[in-house]
């Protein structure tokens, strides 16, 4: 994995953990859901193979 891939993985983990923190600490569920959605999209982008021309 390239350096950008590791940075994307780190961003994914931070967003997912922060979403869990906001959700379970009694914060706004909509904000927690948006953090979770963006974090999972970052994770999905890491798993989907890239197109090669």
PDB file of N, CA and C in Angstrom:
ATOM      1  N   UNK A   1       0.851  -1.172   0.000  1.00  0.00           N
ATOM      2  CA  UNK A   1       0.000   0.000   0.000  1.00  0.00           C
ATOM      3  C   UNK A   1       0.898   1.236   0.000  1.00  0.00           C
ATOM      4  N   UNK A   2       0.486   2.210  -0.759  1.00  0.00           N
ATOM      5  CA  UNK A   2       1.278   3.434  -0.852  1.00  0.00           C
ATOM      6  C   UNK A   2       1.064   4.313   0.381  1.00  0.00           C
ATOM      7  N   UNK A   3       1.836   5.382   0.436  1.00  0.00           N
ATOM      8  CA  UNK A   3       1.726   6.292   1.576  1.00  0.00           C
ATOM      9  C   UNK A   3       0.344   6.944   1.634  1.00  0.00           C
ATOM     10  N   UNK A   4      -0.202   7.264   0.486  1.00  0.00           N
ATOM     11  CA  UNK A   4      -1.550   7.826   0.441  1.00  0.00           C
ATOM     12  C   UNK A   4      -2.602   6.848   0.934  1.00  0.00           C
ATOM     13  N   UNK A   5      -2.381   5.564   0.662  1.00  0.00           N
ATOM     14  CA  UNK A   5      -3.306   4.542   1.146  1.00  0.00           C
ATOM     15  C   UNK A   5      -3.302   4.446   2.662  1.00  0.00           C
ATOM     16  N   UNK A   6      -2.109   4.533   3.244  1.00  0.00           N
ATOM     17  CA  UNK A   6      -2.025   4.503   4.710  1.00  0.00           C
ATOM     18  C   UNK A   6      -2.673   5.737   5.330  1.00  0.00           C
ATOM     19  N   UNK A   7      -2.508   6.883   4.680  1.00  0.00           N
ATOM     20  CA  UNK A   7      -3.136   8.101   5.197  1.00  0.00           C
ATOM     21  C   UNK A   7      -4.656   8.006   5.100  1.00  0.00           C
ATOM     22  N   UNK A   8      -5.158   7.408   4.012  1.00  0.00           N
ATOM     23  CA  UNK A   8      -6.597   7.225   3.851  1.00  0.00           C
ATOM     24  C   UNK A   8      -7.140   6.244   4.888  1.00  0.00           C
ATOM     25  N   UNK A   9      -6.378   5.186   5.172  1.00  0.00           N
ATOM     26  CA  UNK A   9      -6.781   4.225   6.197  1.00  0.00           C
ATOM     27  C   UNK A   9      -6.821   4.884   7.567  1.00  0.00           C
ATOM     28  N   UNK A  10      -5.844   5.717   7.862  1.00  0.00           N
ATOM     29  CA  UNK A  10      -5.822   6.429   9.138  1.00  0.00           C
ATOM     30  C   UNK A  10      -7.012   7.381   9.244  1.00  0.00           C
ATOM     31  N   UNK A  11      -7.323   8.094   8.167  1.00  0.00           N
ATOM     32  CA  UNK A  11      -8.480   8.993   8.173  1.00  0.00           C
ATOM     33  C   UNK A  11      -9.773   8.210   8.366  1.00  0.00           C
ATOM     34  N   UNK A  12      -9.870   7.048   7.738  1.00  0.00           N
ATOM     35  CA  UNK A  12     -11.051   6.196   7.885  1.00  0.00           C
ATOM     36  C   UNK A  12     -11.223   5.766   9.331  1.00  0.00           C
ATOM     37  N   UNK A  13     -10.154   5.305   9.959  1.00  0.00           N
ATOM     38  CA  UNK A  13     -10.232   4.849  11.348  1.00  0.00           C
ATOM     39  C   UNK A  13     -10.580   5.988  12.297  1.00  0.00           C
ATOM     40  N   UNK A  14      -9.976   7.149  12.090  1.00  0.00           N
ATOM     41  CA  UNK A  14     -10.267   8.296  12.958  1.00  0.00           C
ATOM     42  C   UNK A  14     -11.736   8.690  12.838  1.00  0.00           C
ATOM     43  N   UNK A  15     -12.252   8.749  11.618  1.00  0.00           N
ATOM     44  CA  UNK A  15     -13.650   9.146  11.430  1.00  0.00           C
ATOM     45  C   UNK A  15     -14.617   8.136  12.031  1.00  0.00           C
ATOM     46  N   UNK A  16     -14.336   6.846  11.873  1.00  0.00           N
ATOM     47  CA  UNK A  16     -15.239   5.824  12.411  1.00  0.00           C
ATOM     48  C   UNK A  16     -15.207   5.828  13.932  1.00  0.00           C
ATOM     49  N   UNK A  17     -14.016   5.930  14.524  1.00  0.00           N
ATOM     50  CA  UNK A  17     -13.938   5.970  15.987  1.00  0.00           C
ATOM     51  C   UNK A  17     -14.584   7.235  16.545  1.00  0.00           C
ATOM     52  N   UNK A  18     -14.392   8.363  15.872  1.00  0.00           N
ATOM     53  CA  UNK A  18     -14.999   9.602  16.346  1.00  0.00           C
ATOM     54  C   UNK A  18     -16.521   9.545  16.215  1.00  0.00           C
ATOM     55  N   UNK A  19     -17.010   8.910  15.158  1.00  0.00           N
ATOM     56  CA  UNK A  19     -18.459   8.748  15.006  1.00  0.00           C
ATOM     57  C   UNK A  19     -19.021   7.903  16.142  1.00  0.00           C
ATOM     58  N   UNK A  20     -18.323   6.839  16.515  1.00  0.00           N
ATOM     59  CA  UNK A  20     -18.766   6.029  17.646  1.00  0.00           C
ATOM     60  C   UNK A  20     -18.745   6.803  18.946  1.00  0.00           C
ATOM     61  N   UNK A  21     -17.725   7.626  19.119  1.00  0.00           N
ATOM     62  CA  UNK A  21     -17.632   8.446  20.333  1.00  0.00           C
ATOM     63  C   UNK A  21     -18.794   9.432  20.418  1.00  0.00           C
ATOM     64  N   UNK A  22     -19.078  10.120  19.309  1.00  0.00           N
ATOM     65  CA  UNK A  22     -20.173  11.094  19.298  1.00  0.00           C
ATOM     66  C   UNK A  22     -21.510  10.382  19.513  1.00  0.00           C
ATOM     67  N   UNK A  23     -21.681   9.225  18.878  1.00  0.00           N
ATOM     68  CA  UNK A  23     -22.946   8.494  18.978  1.00  0.00           C
ATOM     69  C   UNK A  23     -23.202   8.017  20.404  1.00  0.00           C
ATOM     70  N   UNK A  24     -22.185   7.413  21.027  1.00  0.00           N
ATOM     71  CA  UNK A  24     -22.392   6.812  22.345  1.00  0.00           C
ATOM     72  C   UNK A  24     -22.222   7.796  23.498  1.00  0.00           C
ATOM     73  N   UNK A  25     -21.707   8.986  23.237  1.00  0.00           N
ATOM     74  CA  UNK A  25     -21.573   9.958  24.316  1.00  0.00           C
ATOM     75  C   UNK A  25     -22.787  10.871  24.414  1.00  0.00           C
ATOM     76  N   UNK A  26     -23.812  10.590  23.632  1.00  0.00           N
ATOM     77  CA  UNK A  26     -25.033  11.375  23.707  1.00  0.00           C
ATOM     78  C   UNK A  26     -25.040  12.576  22.790  1.00  0.00           C
ATOM     79  N   UNK A  27     -24.175  12.575  21.793  1.00  0.00           N
ATOM     80  CA  UNK A  27     -24.133  13.690  20.853  1.00  0.00           C
ATOM     81  C   UNK A  27     -25.224  13.575  19.802  1.00  0.00           C
ATOM     82  N   UNK A  28     -25.148  14.445  18.823  1.00  0.00           N
ATOM     83  CA  UNK A  28     -26.138  14.476  17.748  1.00  0.00           C
ATOM     84  C   UNK A  28     -25.967  13.248  16.861  1.00  0.00           C
ATOM     85  N   UNK A  29     -27.043  12.510  16.658  1.00  0.00           N
ATOM     86  CA  UNK A  29     -26.984  11.270  15.873  1.00  0.00           C
ATOM     87  C   UNK A  29     -26.755  11.553  14.387  1.00  0.00           C
ATOM     88  N   UNK A  30     -27.229  12.687  13.901  1.00  0.00           N
ATOM     89  CA  UNK A  30     -27.045  13.020  12.484  1.00  0.00           C
ATOM     90  C   UNK A  30     -25.573  13.303  12.197  1.00  0.00           C
ATOM     91  N   UNK A  31     -24.924  14.033  13.090  1.00  0.00           N
ATOM     92  CA  UNK A  31     -23.499  14.327  12.919  1.00  0.00           C
ATOM     93  C   UNK A  31     -22.691  13.036  12.997  1.00  0.00           C
ATOM     94  N   UNK A  32     -23.026  12.173  13.962  1.00  0.00           N
ATOM     95  CA  UNK A  32     -22.320  10.896  14.087  1.00  0.00           C
ATOM     96  C   UNK A  32     -22.515  10.049  12.835  1.00  0.00           C
ATOM     97  N   UNK A  33     -23.718  10.058  12.294  1.00  0.00           N
ATOM     98  CA  UNK A  33     -23.985   9.296  11.075  1.00  0.00           C
ATOM     99  C   UNK A  33     -23.219   9.819   9.876  1.00  0.00           C
ATOM    100  N   UNK A  34     -23.059  11.130   9.795  1.00  0.00           N
ATOM    101  CA  UNK A  34     -22.307  11.682   8.666  1.00  0.00           C
ATOM    102  C   UNK A  34     -20.822  11.357   8.782  1.00  0.00           C
ATOM    103  N   UNK A  35     -20.278  11.418   9.999  1.00  0.00           N
ATOM    104  CA  UNK A  35     -18.884  11.001  10.181  1.00  0.00           C
ATOM    105  C   UNK A  35     -18.710   9.529   9.819  1.00  0.00           C
ATOM    106  N   UNK A  36     -19.660   8.701  10.230  1.00  0.00           N
ATOM    107  CA  UNK A  36     -19.585   7.275   9.932  1.00  0.00           C
ATOM    108  C   UNK A  36     -19.674   7.027   8.432  1.00  0.00           C
ATOM    109  N   UNK A  37     -20.568   7.739   7.751  1.00  0.00           N
ATOM    110  CA  UNK A  37     -20.725   7.552   6.307  1.00  0.00           C
ATOM    111  C   UNK A  37     -19.453   7.934   5.556  1.00  0.00           C
ATOM    112  N   UNK A  38     -18.847   9.051   5.913  1.00  0.00           N
ATOM    113  CA  UNK A  38     -17.623   9.483   5.226  1.00  0.00           C
ATOM    114  C   UNK A  38     -16.475   8.523   5.535  1.00  0.00           C
ATOM    115  N   UNK A  39     -16.375   8.078   6.785  1.00  0.00           N
ATOM    116  CA  UNK A  39     -15.328   7.123   7.141  1.00  0.00           C
ATOM    117  C   UNK A  39     -15.474   5.811   6.395  1.00  0.00           C
ATOM    118  N   UNK A  40     -16.705   5.323   6.268  1.00  0.00           N
ATOM    119  CA  UNK A  40     -16.920   4.075   5.540  1.00  0.00           C
ATOM    120  C   UNK A  40     -16.683   4.247   4.044  1.00  0.00           C
ATOM    121  N   UNK A  41     -16.972   5.429   3.504  1.00  0.00           N
ATOM    122  CA  UNK A  41     -16.658   5.677   2.094  1.00  0.00           C
ATOM    123  C   UNK A  41     -15.151   5.659   1.851  1.00  0.00           C
ATOM    124  N   UNK A  42     -14.391   6.235   2.786  1.00  0.00           N
ATOM    125  CA  UNK A  42     -12.933   6.178   2.661  1.00  0.00           C
ATOM    126  C   UNK A  42     -12.456   4.728   2.690  1.00  0.00           C
ATOM    127  N   UNK A  43     -13.013   3.931   3.599  1.00  0.00           N
ATOM    128  CA  UNK A  43     -12.647   2.518   3.669  1.00  0.00           C
ATOM    129  C   UNK A  43     -13.023   1.770   2.407  1.00  0.00           C
ATOM    130  N   UNK A  44     -14.186   2.088   1.845  1.00  0.00           N
ATOM    131  CA  UNK A  44     -14.622   1.440   0.614  1.00  0.00           C
ATOM    132  C   UNK A  44     -13.710   1.805  -0.549  1.00  0.00           C
ATOM    133  N   UNK A  45     -13.259   3.055  -0.580  1.00  0.00           N
ATOM    134  CA  UNK A  45     -12.352   3.478  -1.646  1.00  0.00           C
ATOM    135  C   UNK A  45     -11.027   2.726  -1.588  1.00  0.00           C
ATOM    136  N   UNK A  46     -10.627   2.301  -0.391  1.00  0.00           N
ATOM    137  CA  UNK A  46      -9.393   1.527  -0.282  1.00  0.00           C
ATOM    138  C   UNK A  46      -9.565   0.103  -0.798  1.00  0.00           C
ATOM    139  N   UNK A  47     -10.782  -0.444  -0.679  1.00  0.00           N
ATOM    140  CA  UNK A  47     -11.011  -1.833  -1.068  1.00  0.00           C
ATOM    141  C   UNK A  47     -11.326  -2.007  -2.549  1.00  0.00           C
ATOM    142  N   UNK A  48     -11.931  -0.988  -3.159  1.00  0.00           N
ATOM    143  CA  UNK A  48     -12.310  -1.091  -4.568  1.00  0.00           C
ATOM    144  C   UNK A  48     -11.057  -0.947  -5.426  1.00  0.00           C
ATOM    145  N   UNK A  49     -10.851  -1.861  -6.367  1.00  0.00           N
ATOM    146  CA  UNK A  49      -9.642  -1.753  -7.199  1.00  0.00           C
ATOM    147  C   UNK A  49      -9.683  -0.528  -8.101  1.00  0.00           C
ATOM    148  N   UNK A  50      -8.508   0.030  -8.322  1.00  0.00           N
ATOM    149  CA  UNK A  50      -8.397   1.214  -9.174  1.00  0.00           C
ATOM    150  C   UNK A  50      -8.426   0.812 -10.637  1.00  0.00           C
ATOM    151  N   UNK A  51      -8.939   1.732 -11.460  1.00  0.00           N
ATOM    152  CA  UNK A  51      -8.924   1.496 -12.904  1.00  0.00           C
ATOM    153  C   UNK A  51      -7.536   1.777 -13.448  1.00  0.00           C
ATOM    154  N   UNK A  52      -7.084   0.928 -14.335  1.00  0.00           N
ATOM    155  CA  UNK A  52      -5.787   1.153 -14.976  1.00  0.00           C
ATOM    156  C   UNK A  52      -6.022   1.271 -16.471  1.00  0.00           C
ATOM    157  N   UNK A  53      -5.586   2.374 -17.031  1.00  0.00           N
ATOM    158  CA  UNK A  53      -5.792   2.615 -18.464  1.00  0.00           C
ATOM    159  C   UNK A  53      -4.665   2.041 -19.271  1.00  0.00           C
TER     160      UNK A  53
END
